[in-house]
């Protein structure tokens, strides 16, 4: 049983699937209950966001430490992005990051949200908070969708099965 928790955690760390795959797999394949699936998938997704935020900073510092054209291009791009974010649109930007992460579509999760947060120069604690809120919302949406689809399939199968028995 412990193995399924680890698998759910690890699946939710993947770049494309994230918890959008972790929760359905945990519920439908590993037969975890909804609460367990939600908790381990969300924790895996938030954990990878934390690692990414730390990694992006180290990678950026390494690249900028070199004196080459790539370092100048990336520094200019990051500074321009930060300057657009800082100012009157900052509050709206925070809400948009949360909503962007919360929408359960491919490439709109914690991985992309971490990159956007880094590029916008959002401090680590604030970025992790925004990402966590978005991941929690996405987790609720995916869990409700997964349970709803599972119940619809079960109900349809039950209805068809009982109809064929009556004939």
Foldseek 3Di string as FASTA:
>chain_A
DVVLLVVLLVQLLDQFCHLLPSLLCSCPPVVDDLVSSLVSSLVSNLVNLLVLLVVVVVVLVVLCVDPDPVNVVLVVQLVVLQVVCPDDCVVVVLVVLLQQQQPPDTPSHSNVSSVSCVSNVPDSVSSSVSRSNSSSNNSVVSSVVSVVVVVVVVVVCVVVVVVVVVD
